[in-house]
Amino acid sequence: MLEMSIVEKPLEKVDVKSDYVQISVKDDLELIVLAMMLKQPMCGTEIIKTIHNKFGVLLSPGTIYPLLHSLEKKGLLRCKRSAKIKTYEPVEGSKKKISEMLEERVKAWGILSQFLRER
């Protein structure tokens, strides 16, 4: 059985309208999935469960699998097939690029957050 350590613990509940969380998760789904892949390889079902547990957002396989295929085509993830499970993980040498993408997004979030707080 696959280990699901990321799925175990949801984020602390924050008083945010779920619509805002759902929009944010869907807007940044590619980066969220890439961040998850840096922690451990996962199958699509694990990704869906983890996002639901962490953010309270339920995604369909029709959302996740096209995204995973797109990330494969971009050369960021690869799919390892076993008997019944497809597990996705970063392509060798792509971890640095993924980390840089995540860091740039975090910087952008910081700038946006600062702007929104200066109202």
PDB file of N, CA and C in Angstrom:
ATOM      1  N   MET A   1       0.838  -1.184   0.000  1.00  0.00           N
ATOM      2  CA  MET A   1       0.000   0.000   0.000  1.00  0.00           C
ATOM      3  C   MET A   1       0.878   1.240   0.000  1.00  0.00           C
ATOM      4  N   LEU A   2       0.461   2.283  -0.694  1.00  0.00           N
ATOM      5  CA  LEU A   2       1.234   3.508  -0.762  1.00  0.00           C
ATOM      6  C   LEU A   2       1.153   4.280   0.541  1.00  0.00           C
ATOM      7  N   GLU A   3       2.253   4.884   0.922  1.00  0.00           N
ATOM      8  CA  GLU A   3       2.280   5.707   2.118  1.00  0.00           C
ATOM      9  C   GLU A   3       1.593   7.037   1.824  1.00  0.00           C
ATOM     10  N   MET A   4       0.758   7.500   2.733  1.00  0.00           N
ATOM     11  CA  MET A   4       0.042   8.753   2.527  1.00  0.00           C
ATOM     12  C   MET A   4       0.323   9.724   3.660  1.00  0.00           C
ATOM     13  N   SER A   5       1.577   9.930   4.002  1.00  0.00           N
ATOM     14  CA  SER A   5       1.900  10.767   5.145  1.00  0.00           C
ATOM     15  C   SER A   5       1.471  12.215   4.963  1.00  0.00           C
ATOM     16  N   ILE A   6       1.443  12.711   3.741  1.00  0.00           N
ATOM     17  CA  ILE A   6       1.029  14.087   3.517  1.00  0.00           C
ATOM     18  C   ILE A   6      -0.465  14.243   3.812  1.00  0.00           C
ATOM     19  N   VAL A   7      -1.226  13.187   3.640  1.00  0.00           N
ATOM     20  CA  VAL A   7      -2.679  13.249   3.778  1.00  0.00           C
ATOM     21  C   VAL A   7      -3.103  13.332   5.241  1.00  0.00           C
ATOM     22  N   GLU A   8      -2.267  12.903   6.149  1.00  0.00           N
ATOM     23  CA  GLU A   8      -2.629  12.740   7.544  1.00  0.00           C
ATOM     24  C   GLU A   8      -3.227  13.971   8.211  1.00  0.00           C
ATOM     25  N   LYS A   9      -2.607  15.113   8.066  1.00  0.00           N
ATOM     26  CA  LYS A   9      -2.924  16.243   8.919  1.00  0.00           C
ATOM     27  C   LYS A   9      -3.430  17.432   8.110  1.00  0.00           C
ATOM     28  N   PRO A  10      -4.689  17.854   8.344  1.00  0.00           N
ATOM     29  CA  PRO A  10      -5.180  19.034   7.637  1.00  0.00           C
ATOM     30  C   PRO A  10      -4.557  20.306   8.209  1.00  0.00           C
ATOM     31  N   LEU A  11      -4.561  21.366   7.411  1.00  0.00           N
ATOM     32  CA  LEU A  11      -4.096  22.657   7.890  1.00  0.00           C
ATOM     33  C   LEU A  11      -5.026  23.135   8.985  1.00  0.00           C
ATOM     34  N   GLU A  12      -4.512  24.030   9.821  1.00  0.00           N
ATOM     35  CA  GLU A  12      -5.374  24.622  10.834  1.00  0.00           C
ATOM     36  C   GLU A  12      -6.535  25.312  10.134  1.00  0.00           C
ATOM     37  N   LYS A  13      -7.697  25.232  10.751  1.00  0.00           N
ATOM     38  CA  LYS A  13      -8.866  25.878  10.175  1.00  0.00           C
ATOM     39  C   LYS A  13      -8.705  27.392  10.281  1.00  0.00           C
ATOM     40  N   VAL A  14      -8.874  28.052   9.178  1.00  0.00           N
ATOM     41  CA  VAL A  14      -8.759  29.495   9.124  1.00  0.00           C
ATOM     42  C   VAL A  14     -10.128  30.042   8.763  1.00  0.00           C
ATOM     43  N   ASP A  15     -10.489  31.161   9.328  1.00  0.00           N
ATOM     44  CA  ASP A  15     -11.791  31.750   9.056  1.00  0.00           C
ATOM     45  C   ASP A  15     -11.754  32.473   7.713  1.00  0.00           C
ATOM     46  N   VAL A  16     -11.825  31.697   6.646  1.00  0.00           N
ATOM     47  CA  VAL A  16     -11.810  32.230   5.291  1.00  0.00           C
ATOM     48  C   VAL A  16     -12.994  31.612   4.565  1.00  0.00           C
ATOM     49  N   LYS A  17     -13.688  32.419   3.806  1.00  0.00           N
ATOM     50  CA  LYS A  17     -14.796  31.870   3.037  1.00  0.00           C
ATOM     51  C   LYS A  17     -14.252  30.824   2.074  1.00  0.00           C
ATOM     52  N   SER A  18     -14.913  29.693   2.041  1.00  0.00           N
ATOM     53  CA  SER A  18     -14.418  28.577   1.244  1.00  0.00           C
ATOM     54  C   SER A  18     -14.313  28.921  -0.240  1.00  0.00           C
ATOM     55  N   ASP A  19     -15.129  29.844  -0.722  1.00  0.00           N
ATOM     56  CA  ASP A  19     -15.036  30.243  -2.130  1.00  0.00           C
ATOM     57  C   ASP A  19     -13.650  30.795  -2.450  1.00  0.00           C
ATOM     58  N   TYR A  20     -13.099  31.603  -1.547  1.00  0.00           N
ATOM     59  CA  TYR A  20     -11.785  32.190  -1.777  1.00  0.00           C
ATOM     60  C   TYR A  20     -10.698  31.123  -1.780  1.00  0.00           C
ATOM     61  N   VAL A  21     -10.806  30.170  -0.864  1.00  0.00           N
ATOM     62  CA  VAL A  21      -9.830  29.086  -0.814  1.00  0.00           C
ATOM     63  C   VAL A  21      -9.927  28.254  -2.082  1.00  0.00           C
ATOM     64  N   GLN A  22     -11.144  27.914  -2.483  1.00  0.00           N
ATOM     65  CA  GLN A  22     -11.332  27.099  -3.675  1.00  0.00           C
ATOM     66  C   GLN A  22     -10.773  27.792  -4.916  1.00  0.00           C
ATOM     67  N   ILE A  23     -11.035  29.064  -5.065  1.00  0.00           N
ATOM     68  CA  ILE A  23     -10.528  29.823  -6.208  1.00  0.00           C
ATOM     69  C   ILE A  23      -9.005  29.839  -6.188  1.00  0.00           C
ATOM     70  N   SER A  24      -8.434  30.089  -5.016  1.00  0.00           N
ATOM     71  CA  SER A  24      -6.972  30.156  -4.903  1.00  0.00           C
ATOM     72  C   SER A  24      -6.323  28.815  -5.212  1.00  0.00           C
ATOM     73  N   VAL A  25      -6.901  27.740  -4.689  1.00  0.00           N
ATOM     74  CA  VAL A  25      -6.345  26.410  -4.945  1.00  0.00           C
ATOM     75  C   VAL A  25      -6.406  26.094  -6.440  1.00  0.00           C
ATOM     76  N   LYS A  26      -7.539  26.374  -7.055  1.00  0.00           N
ATOM     77  CA  LYS A  26      -7.670  26.070  -8.481  1.00  0.00           C
ATOM     78  C   LYS A  26      -6.770  26.963  -9.333  1.00  0.00           C
ATOM     79  N   ASP A  27      -6.589  28.229  -8.940  1.00  0.00           N
ATOM     80  CA  ASP A  27      -5.707  29.127  -9.689  1.00  0.00           C
ATOM     81  C   ASP A  27      -4.251  28.685  -9.620  1.00  0.00           C
ATOM     82  N   ASP A  28      -3.859  28.125  -8.500  1.00  0.00           N
ATOM     83  CA  ASP A  28      -2.462  27.736  -8.307  1.00  0.00           C
ATOM     84  C   ASP A  28      -2.285  26.225  -8.195  1.00  0.00           C
ATOM     85  N   LEU A  29      -3.205  25.480  -8.792  1.00  0.00           N
ATOM     86  CA  LEU A  29      -3.181  24.026  -8.685  1.00  0.00           C
ATOM     87  C   LEU A  29      -1.882  23.425  -9.216  1.00  0.00           C
ATOM     88  N   GLU A  30      -1.383  23.946 -10.311  1.00  0.00           N
ATOM     89  CA  GLU A  30      -0.140  23.407 -10.867  1.00  0.00           C
ATOM     90  C   GLU A  30       0.992  23.498  -9.852  1.00  0.00           C
ATOM     91  N   LEU A  31       1.132  24.650  -9.219  1.00  0.00           N
ATOM     92  CA  LEU A  31       2.216  24.824  -8.249  1.00  0.00           C
ATOM     93  C   LEU A  31       1.976  24.019  -6.978  1.00  0.00           C
ATOM     94  N   ILE A  32       0.726  23.892  -6.574  1.00  0.00           N
ATOM     95  CA  ILE A  32       0.415  23.078  -5.399  1.00  0.00           C
ATOM     96  C   ILE A  32       0.808  21.628  -5.659  1.00  0.00           C
ATOM     97  N   VAL A  33       0.450  21.115  -6.818  1.00  0.00           N
ATOM     98  CA  VAL A  33       0.796  19.728  -7.171  1.00  0.00           C
ATOM     99  C   VAL A  33       2.314  19.569  -7.250  1.00  0.00           C
ATOM    100  N   LEU A  34       2.999  20.512  -7.848  1.00  0.00           N
ATOM    101  CA  LEU A  34       4.460  20.416  -7.932  1.00  0.00           C
ATOM    102  C   LEU A  34       5.097  20.439  -6.542  1.00  0.00           C
ATOM    103  N   ALA A  35       4.580  21.278  -5.653  1.00  0.00           N
ATOM    104  CA  ALA A  35       5.105  21.329  -4.285  1.00  0.00           C
ATOM    105  C   ALA A  35       4.899  19.979  -3.593  1.00  0.00           C
ATOM    106  N   MET A  36       3.747  19.365  -3.821  1.00  0.00           N
ATOM    107  CA  MET A  36       3.479  18.052  -3.238  1.00  0.00           C
ATOM    108  C   MET A  36       4.448  17.006  -3.778  1.00  0.00           C
ATOM    109  N   MET A  37       4.760  17.092  -5.066  1.00  0.00           N
ATOM    110  CA  MET A  37       5.655  16.114  -5.684  1.00  0.00           C
ATOM    111  C   MET A  37       7.083  16.244  -5.159  1.00  0.00           C
ATOM    112  N   LEU A  38       7.467  17.444  -4.718  1.00  0.00           N
ATOM    113  CA  LEU A  38       8.797  17.601  -4.141  1.00  0.00           C
ATOM    114  C   LEU A  38       8.911  16.849  -2.814  1.00  0.00           C
ATOM    115  N   LYS A  39       7.782  16.702  -2.112  1.00  0.00           N
ATOM    116  CA  LYS A  39       7.796  15.996  -0.827  1.00  0.00           C
ATOM    117  C   LYS A  39       7.832  14.491  -1.008  1.00  0.00           C
ATOM    118  N   GLN A  40       7.001  13.978  -1.930  1.00  0.00           N
ATOM    119  CA  GLN A  40       6.987  12.536  -2.171  1.00  0.00           C
ATOM    120  C   GLN A  40       6.210  12.240  -3.442  1.00  0.00           C
ATOM    121  N   PRO A  41       6.567  11.165  -4.132  1.00  0.00           N
ATOM    122  CA  PRO A  41       5.794  10.744  -5.299  1.00  0.00           C
ATOM    123  C   PRO A  41       4.370  10.387  -4.862  1.00  0.00           C
ATOM    124  N   MET A  42       3.407  10.649  -5.726  1.00  0.00           N
ATOM    125  CA  MET A  42       2.010  10.376  -5.398  1.00  0.00           C
ATOM    126  C   MET A  42       1.250   9.963  -6.647  1.00  0.00           C
ATOM    127  N   CYS A  43       0.166   9.237  -6.434  1.00  0.00           N
ATOM    128  CA  CYS A  43      -0.745   8.925  -7.532  1.00  0.00           C
ATOM    129  C   CYS A  43      -1.846   9.990  -7.538  1.00  0.00           C
ATOM    130  N   GLY A  44      -2.634  10.023  -8.582  1.00  0.00           N
ATOM    131  CA  GLY A  44      -3.677  11.026  -8.716  1.00  0.00           C
ATOM    132  C   GLY A  44      -4.670  11.014  -7.572  1.00  0.00           C
ATOM    133  N   THR A  45      -5.053   9.822  -7.121  1.00  0.00           N
ATOM    134  CA  THR A  45      -6.006   9.709  -6.016  1.00  0.00           C
ATOM    135  C   THR A  45      -5.440  10.314  -4.740  1.00  0.00           C
ATOM    136  N   GLU A  46      -4.165  10.086  -4.477  1.00  0.00           N
ATOM    137  CA  GLU A  46      -3.518  10.680  -3.295  1.00  0.00           C
ATOM    138  C   GLU A  46      -3.502  12.200  -3.392  1.00  0.00           C
ATOM    139  N   ILE A  47      -3.260  12.714  -4.582  1.00  0.00           N
ATOM    140  CA  ILE A  47      -3.239  14.163  -4.781  1.00  0.00           C
ATOM    141  C   ILE A  47      -4.619  14.741  -4.468  1.00  0.00           C
ATOM    142  N   ILE A  48      -5.655  14.111  -4.998  1.00  0.00           N
ATOM    143  CA  ILE A  48      -7.023  14.580  -4.754  1.00  0.00           C
ATOM    144  C   ILE A  48      -7.340  14.550  -3.261  1.00  0.00           C
ATOM    145  N   LYS A  49      -7.009  13.456  -2.581  1.00  0.00           N
ATOM    146  CA  LYS A  49      -7.272  13.324  -1.139  1.00  0.00           C
ATOM    147  C   LYS A  49      -6.488  14.345  -0.331  1.00  0.00           C
ATOM    148  N   THR A  50      -5.235  14.547  -0.681  1.00  0.00           N
ATOM    149  CA  THR A  50      -4.397  15.486   0.056  1.00  0.00           C
ATOM    150  C   THR A  50      -4.935  16.904  -0.067  1.00  0.00           C
ATOM    151  N   ILE A  51      -5.283  17.311  -1.265  1.00  0.00           N
ATOM    152  CA  ILE A  51      -5.818  18.662  -1.470  1.00  0.00           C
ATOM    153  C   ILE A  51      -7.139  18.822  -0.728  1.00  0.00           C
ATOM    154  N   HIS A  52      -7.961  17.794  -0.746  1.00  0.00           N
ATOM    155  CA  HIS A  52      -9.229  17.866  -0.016  1.00  0.00           C
ATOM    156  C   HIS A  52      -8.983  17.986   1.487  1.00  0.00           C
ATOM    157  N   ASN A  53      -8.061  17.181   2.018  1.00  0.00           N
ATOM    158  CA  ASN A  53      -7.763  17.217   3.455  1.00  0.00           C
ATOM    159  C   ASN A  53      -7.097  18.510   3.888  1.00  0.00           C
ATOM    160  N   LYS A  54      -6.206  19.028   3.079  1.00  0.00           N
ATOM    161  CA  LYS A  54      -5.454  20.230   3.451  1.00  0.00           C
ATOM    162  C   LYS A  54      -6.254  21.512   3.270  1.00  0.00           C
ATOM    163  N   PHE A  55      -7.057  21.579   2.205  1.00  0.00           N
ATOM    164  CA  PHE A  55      -7.716  22.835   1.846  1.00  0.00           C
ATOM    165  C   PHE A  55      -9.239  22.763   1.828  1.00  0.00           C
ATOM    166  N   GLY A  56      -9.800  21.574   1.977  1.00  0.00           N
ATOM    167  CA  GLY A  56     -11.240  21.430   1.918  1.00  0.00           C
ATOM    168  C   GLY A  56     -11.804  21.597   0.516  1.00  0.00           C
ATOM    169  N   VAL A  57     -10.966  21.426  -0.490  1.00  0.00           N
ATOM    170  CA  VAL A  57     -11.368  21.581  -1.887  1.00  0.00           C
ATOM    171  C   VAL A  57     -11.381  20.196  -2.520  1.00  0.00           C
ATOM    172  N   LEU A  58     -12.521  19.835  -3.088  1.00  0.00           N
ATOM    173  CA  LEU A  58     -12.643  18.533  -3.726  1.00  0.00           C
ATOM    174  C   LEU A  58     -12.488  18.693  -5.232  1.00  0.00           C
ATOM    175  N   LEU A  59     -11.477  18.036  -5.763  1.00  0.00           N
ATOM    176  CA  LEU A  59     -11.197  18.089  -7.195  1.00  0.00           C
ATOM    177  C   LEU A  59     -11.559  16.757  -7.829  1.00  0.00           C
ATOM    178  N   SER A  60     -11.891  16.797  -9.090  1.00  0.00           N
ATOM    179  CA  SER A  60     -12.240  15.568  -9.803  1.00  0.00           C
ATOM    180  C   SER A  60     -11.005  15.005 -10.509  1.00  0.00           C
ATOM    181  N   PRO A  61     -11.039  13.720 -10.821  1.00  0.00           N
ATOM    182  CA  PRO A  61      -9.960  13.143 -11.629  1.00  0.00           C
ATOM    183  C   PRO A  61      -9.829  13.873 -12.973  1.00  0.00           C
ATOM    184  N   GLY A  62     -10.940  14.397 -13.489  1.00  0.00           N
ATOM    185  CA  GLY A  62     -10.923  15.140 -14.749  1.00  0.00           C
ATOM    186  C   GLY A  62     -10.178  16.462 -14.651  1.00  0.00           C
ATOM    187  N   THR A  63      -9.911  16.908 -13.438  1.00  0.00           N
ATOM    188  CA  THR A  63      -9.089  18.103 -13.227  1.00  0.00           C
ATOM    189  C   THR A  63      -7.629  17.719 -13.026  1.00  0.00           C
ATOM    190  N   ILE A  64      -7.394  16.691 -12.222  1.00  0.00           N
ATOM    191  CA  ILE A  64      -6.025  16.318 -11.840  1.00  0.00           C
ATOM    192  C   ILE A  64      -5.250  15.633 -12.960  1.00  0.00           C
ATOM    193  N   TYR A  65      -5.845  14.658 -13.619  1.00  0.00           N
ATOM    194  CA  TYR A  65      -5.075  13.885 -14.604  1.00  0.00           C
ATOM    195  C   TYR A  65      -4.643  14.702 -15.825  1.00  0.00           C
ATOM    196  N   PRO A  66      -5.484  15.563 -16.380  1.00  0.00           N
ATOM    197  CA  PRO A  66      -4.978  16.415 -17.469  1.00  0.00           C
ATOM    198  C   PRO A  66      -3.828  17.317 -17.009  1.00  0.00           C
ATOM    199  N   LEU A  67      -3.905  17.796 -15.757  1.00  0.00           N
ATOM    200  CA  LEU A  67      -2.816  18.612 -15.223  1.00  0.00           C
ATOM    201  C   LEU A  67      -1.534  17.791 -15.110  1.00  0.00           C
ATOM    202  N   LEU A  68      -1.629  16.572 -14.599  1.00  0.00           N
ATOM    203  CA  LEU A  68      -0.444  15.711 -14.491  1.00  0.00           C
ATOM    204  C   LEU A  68       0.149  15.414 -15.865  1.00  0.00           C
ATOM    205  N   HIS A  69      -0.695  15.167 -16.847  1.00  0.00           N
ATOM    206  CA  HIS A  69      -0.196  14.920 -18.213  1.00  0.00           C
ATOM    207  C   HIS A  69       0.483  16.164 -18.773  1.00  0.00           C
ATOM    208  N   SER A  70      -0.077  17.336 -18.486  1.00  0.00           N
ATOM    209  CA  SER A  70       0.526  18.593 -18.928  1.00  0.00           C
ATOM    210  C   SER A  70       1.909  18.789 -18.290  1.00  0.00           C
ATOM    211  N   LEU A  71       2.022  18.474 -17.008  1.00  0.00           N
ATOM    212  CA  LEU A  71       3.307  18.610 -16.317  1.00  0.00           C
ATOM    213  C   LEU A  71       4.328  17.596 -16.844  1.00  0.00           C
ATOM    214  N   GLU A  72       3.853  16.451 -17.296  1.00  0.00           N
ATOM    215  CA  GLU A  72       4.737  15.479 -17.954  1.00  0.00           C
ATOM    216  C   GLU A  72       5.248  16.056 -19.275  1.00  0.00           C
ATOM    217  N   LYS A  73       4.341  16.618 -20.076  1.00  0.00           N
ATOM    218  CA  LYS A  73       4.729  17.192 -21.368  1.00  0.00           C
ATOM    219  C   LYS A  73       5.705  18.345 -21.206  1.00  0.00           C
ATOM    220  N   LYS A  74       5.593  19.092 -20.098  1.00  0.00           N
ATOM    221  CA  LYS A  74       6.506  20.202 -19.829  1.00  0.00           C
ATOM    222  C   LYS A  74       7.859  19.710 -19.324  1.00  0.00           C
ATOM    223  N   GLY A  75       7.974  18.410 -19.078  1.00  0.00           N
ATOM    224  CA  GLY A  75       9.239  17.839 -18.621  1.00  0.00           C
ATOM    225  C   GLY A  75       9.503  18.031 -17.139  1.00  0.00           C
ATOM    226  N   LEU A  76       8.449  18.286 -16.352  1.00  0.00           N
ATOM    227  CA  LEU A  76       8.623  18.494 -14.915  1.00  0.00           C
ATOM    228  C   LEU A  76       8.339  17.238 -14.101  1.00  0.00           C
ATOM    229  N   LEU A  77       7.378  16.430 -14.548  1.00  0.00           N
ATOM    230  CA  LEU A  77       7.029  15.201 -13.843  1.00  0.00           C
ATOM    231  C   LEU A  77       7.156  14.016 -14.779  1.00  0.00           C
ATOM    232  N   ARG A  78       7.298  12.849 -14.173  1.00  0.00           N
ATOM    233  CA  ARG A  78       7.254  11.615 -14.943  1.00  0.00           C
ATOM    234  C   ARG A  78       6.324  10.655 -14.217  1.00  0.00           C
ATOM    235  N   CYS A  79       5.793   9.748 -14.971  1.00  0.00           N
ATOM    236  CA  CYS A  79       4.861   8.763 -14.444  1.00  0.00           C
ATOM    237  C   CYS A  79       5.564   7.423 -14.364  1.00  0.00           C
ATOM    238  N   LYS A  80       5.519   6.821 -13.181  1.00  0.00           N
ATOM    239  CA  LYS A  80       6.038   5.458 -13.005  1.00  0.00           C
ATOM    240  C   LYS A  80       4.831   4.548 -12.845  1.00  0.00           C
ATOM    241  N   ARG A  81       4.773   3.545 -13.680  1.00  0.00           N
ATOM    242  CA  ARG A  81       3.635   2.620 -13.652  1.00  0.00           C
ATOM    243  C   ARG A  81       4.023   1.342 -12.933  1.00  0.00           C
ATOM    244  N   SER A  82       3.186   0.934 -12.003  1.00  0.00           N
ATOM    245  CA  SER A  82       3.335  -0.384 -11.386  1.00  0.00           C
ATOM    246  C   SER A  82       2.113  -1.191 -11.798  1.00  0.00           C
ATOM    247  N   ALA A  83       1.857  -2.274 -11.148  1.00  0.00           N
ATOM    248  CA  ALA A  83       0.770  -3.164 -11.546  1.00  0.00           C
ATOM    249  C   ALA A  83      -0.548  -2.428 -11.793  1.00  0.00           C
ATOM    250  N   LYS A  84      -0.999  -1.641 -10.822  1.00  0.00           N
ATOM    251  CA  LYS A  84      -2.291  -0.967 -10.964  1.00  0.00           C
ATOM    252  C   LYS A  84      -2.216   0.540 -10.736  1.00  0.00           C
ATOM    253  N   ILE A  85      -1.073   1.050 -10.370  1.00  0.00           N
ATOM    254  CA  ILE A  85      -0.979   2.446  -9.944  1.00  0.00           C
ATOM    255  C   ILE A  85       0.023   3.212 -10.794  1.00  0.00           C
ATOM    256  N   LYS A  86      -0.362   4.440 -11.158  1.00  0.00           N
ATOM    257  CA  LYS A  86       0.549   5.379 -11.802  1.00  0.00           C
ATOM    258  C   LYS A  86       0.965   6.380 -10.736  1.00  0.00           C
ATOM    259  N   THR A  87       2.253   6.428 -10.464  1.00  0.00           N
ATOM    260  CA  THR A  87       2.791   7.350  -9.472  1.00  0.00           C
ATOM    261  C   THR A  87       3.581   8.430 -10.200  1.00  0.00           C
ATOM    262  N   TYR A  88       3.387   9.667  -9.793  1.00  0.00           N
ATOM    263  CA  TYR A  88       4.061  10.794 -10.427  1.00  0.00           C
ATOM    264  C   TYR A  88       5.138  11.332  -9.495  1.00  0.00           C
ATOM    265  N   GLU A  89       6.244  11.739 -10.115  1.00  0.00           N
ATOM    266  CA  GLU A  89       7.375  12.286  -9.368  1.00  0.00           C
ATOM    267  C   GLU A  89       8.136  13.243 -10.271  1.00  0.00           C
ATOM    268  N   PRO A  90       8.945  14.128  -9.668  1.00  0.00           N
ATOM    269  CA  PRO A  90       9.727  15.052 -10.499  1.00  0.00           C
ATOM    270  C   PRO A  90      10.706  14.298 -11.390  1.00  0.00           C
ATOM    271  N   VAL A  91      10.868  14.788 -12.598  1.00  0.00           N
ATOM    272  CA  VAL A  91      11.861  14.253 -13.521  1.00  0.00           C
ATOM    273  C   VAL A  91      13.237  14.559 -12.937  1.00  0.00           C
ATOM    274  N   GLU A  92      14.159  13.644 -13.141  1.00  0.00           N
ATOM    275  CA  GLU A  92      15.524  13.877 -12.658  1.00  0.00           C
ATOM    276  C   GLU A  92      16.021  15.228 -13.165  1.00  0.00           C
ATOM    277  N   GLY A  93      16.502  16.044 -12.258  1.00  0.00           N
ATOM    278  CA  GLY A  93      17.031  17.358 -12.620  1.00  0.00           C
ATOM    279  C   GLY A  93      15.992  18.470 -12.621  1.00  0.00           C
ATOM    280  N   SER A  94      14.713  18.150 -12.399  1.00  0.00           N
ATOM    281  CA  SER A  94      13.686  19.200 -12.441  1.00  0.00           C
ATOM    282  C   SER A  94      13.376  19.792 -11.075  1.00  0.00           C
ATOM    283  N   LYS A  95      13.892  19.198 -10.005  1.00  0.00           N
ATOM    284  CA  LYS A  95      13.578  19.688  -8.660  1.00  0.00           C
ATOM    285  C   LYS A  95      14.020  21.136  -8.463  1.00  0.00           C
ATOM    286  N   LYS A  96      15.175  21.492  -9.002  1.00  0.00           N
ATOM    287  CA  LYS A  96      15.660  22.866  -8.858  1.00  0.00           C
ATOM    288  C   LYS A  96      14.725  23.833  -9.581  1.00  0.00           C
ATOM    289  N   LYS A  97      14.325  23.489 -10.798  1.00  0.00           N
ATOM    290  CA  LYS A  97      13.421  24.348 -11.561  1.00  0.00           C
ATOM    291  C   LYS A  97      12.081  24.494 -10.843  1.00  0.00           C
ATOM    292  N   ILE A  98      11.553  23.392 -10.313  1.00  0.00           N
ATOM    293  CA  ILE A  98      10.290  23.437  -9.577  1.00  0.00           C
ATOM    294  C   ILE A  98      10.430  24.329  -8.352  1.00  0.00           C
ATOM    295  N   SER A  99      11.511  24.169  -7.612  1.00  0.00           N
ATOM    296  CA  SER A  99      11.751  25.002  -6.426  1.00  0.00           C
ATOM    297  C   SER A  99      11.830  26.479  -6.784  1.00  0.00           C
ATOM    298  N   GLU A 100      12.473  26.793  -7.893  1.00  0.00           N
ATOM    299  CA  GLU A 100      12.559  28.188  -8.338  1.00  0.00           C
ATOM    300  C   GLU A 100      11.181  28.728  -8.709  1.00  0.00           C
ATOM    301  N   MET A 101      10.365  27.917  -9.380  1.00  0.00           N
ATOM    302  CA  MET A 101       9.005  28.329  -9.731  1.00  0.00           C
ATOM    303  C   MET A 101       8.195  28.615  -8.464  1.00  0.00           C
ATOM    304  N   LEU A 102       8.319  27.745  -7.479  1.00  0.00           N
ATOM    305  CA  LEU A 102       7.594  27.932  -6.225  1.00  0.00           C
ATOM    306  C   LEU A 102       8.061  29.186  -5.501  1.00  0.00           C
ATOM    307  N   GLU A 103       9.350  29.403  -5.478  1.00  0.00           N
ATOM    308  CA  GLU A 103       9.892  30.589  -4.795  1.00  0.00           C
ATOM    309  C   GLU A 103       9.420  31.878  -5.462  1.00  0.00           C
ATOM    310  N   GLU A 104       9.391  31.903  -6.771  1.00  0.00           N
ATOM    311  CA  GLU A 104       8.895  33.086  -7.487  1.00  0.00           C
ATOM    312  C   GLU A 104       7.429  33.352  -7.156  1.00  0.00           C
ATOM    313  N   ARG A 105       6.641  32.287  -7.062  1.00  0.00           N
ATOM    314  CA  ARG A 105       5.223  32.455  -6.735  1.00  0.00           C
ATOM    315  C   ARG A 105       5.051  32.961  -5.307  1.00  0.00           C
ATOM    316  N   VAL A 106       5.855  32.440  -4.389  1.00  0.00           N
ATOM    317  CA  VAL A 106       5.794  32.902  -2.999  1.00  0.00           C
ATOM    318  C   VAL A 106       6.135  34.391  -2.924  1.00  0.00           C
ATOM    319  N   LYS A 107       7.131  34.821  -3.687  1.00  0.00           N
ATOM    320  CA  LYS A 107       7.484  36.252  -3.726  1.00  0.00           C
ATOM    321  C   LYS A 107       6.320  37.068  -4.271  1.00  0.00           C
ATOM    322  N   ALA A 108       5.698  36.581  -5.333  1.00  0.00           N
ATOM    323  CA  ALA A 108       4.556  37.289  -5.916  1.00  0.00           C
ATOM    324  C   ALA A 108       3.405  37.366  -4.917  1.00  0.00           C
ATOM    325  N   TRP A 109       3.131  36.274  -4.212  1.00  0.00           N
ATOM    326  CA  TRP A 109       2.082  36.285  -3.187  1.00  0.00           C
ATOM    327  C   TRP A 109       2.391  37.324  -2.117  1.00  0.00           C
ATOM    328  N   GLY A 110       3.670  37.417  -1.734  1.00  0.00           N
ATOM    329  CA  GLY A 110       4.072  38.388  -0.716  1.00  0.00           C
ATOM    330  C   GLY A 110       3.800  39.822  -1.160  1.00  0.00           C
ATOM    331  N   ILE A 111       4.131  40.133  -2.406  1.00  0.00           N
ATOM    332  CA  ILE A 111       3.892  41.476  -2.948  1.00  0.00           C
ATOM    333  C   ILE A 111       2.397  41.760  -2.996  1.00  0.00           C
ATOM    334  N   LEU A 112       1.620  40.815  -3.483  1.00  0.00           N
ATOM    335  CA  LEU A 112       0.168  40.984  -3.564  1.00  0.00           C
ATOM    336  C   LEU A 112      -0.446  41.121  -2.175  1.00  0.00           C
ATOM    337  N   SER A 113      -0.012  40.279  -1.248  1.00  0.00           N
ATOM    338  CA  SER A 113      -0.525  40.323   0.109  1.00  0.00           C
ATOM    339  C   SER A 113      -0.245  41.673   0.764  1.00  0.00           C
ATOM    340  N   GLN A 114       0.964  42.164   0.571  1.00  0.00           N
ATOM    341  CA  GLN A 114       1.329  43.472   1.138  1.00  0.00           C
ATOM    342  C   GLN A 114       0.440  44.572   0.558  1.00  0.00           C
ATOM    343  N   PHE A 115       0.232  44.535  -0.752  1.00  0.00           N
ATOM    344  CA  PHE A 115      -0.623  45.526  -1.397  1.00  0.00           C
ATOM    345  C   PHE A 115      -2.042  45.496  -0.853  1.00  0.00           C
ATOM    346  N   LEU A 116      -2.591  44.293  -0.713  1.00  0.00           N
ATOM    347  CA  LEU A 116      -3.968  44.167  -0.242  1.00  0.00           C
ATOM    348  C   LEU A 116      -4.132  44.607   1.214  1.00  0.00           C
ATOM    349  N   ARG A 117      -3.089  44.477   1.997  1.00  0.00           N
ATOM    350  CA  ARG A 117      -3.153  44.906   3.411  1.00  0.00           C
ATOM    351  C   ARG A 117      -3.014  46.410   3.561  1.00  0.00           C
ATOM    352  N   GLU A 118      -2.544  47.087   2.542  1.00  0.00           N
ATOM    353  CA  GLU A 118      -2.341  48.546   2.615  1.00  0.00           C
ATOM    354  C   GLU A 118      -3.589  49.317   2.217  1.00  0.00           C
ATOM    355  N   ARG A 119      -4.744  48.782   2.425  1.00  0.00           N
ATOM    356  CA  ARG A 119      -5.983  49.452   2.005  1.00  0.00           C
ATOM    357  C   ARG A 119      -6.357  50.596   2.875  1.00  0.00           C
TER     358      ARG A 119
END
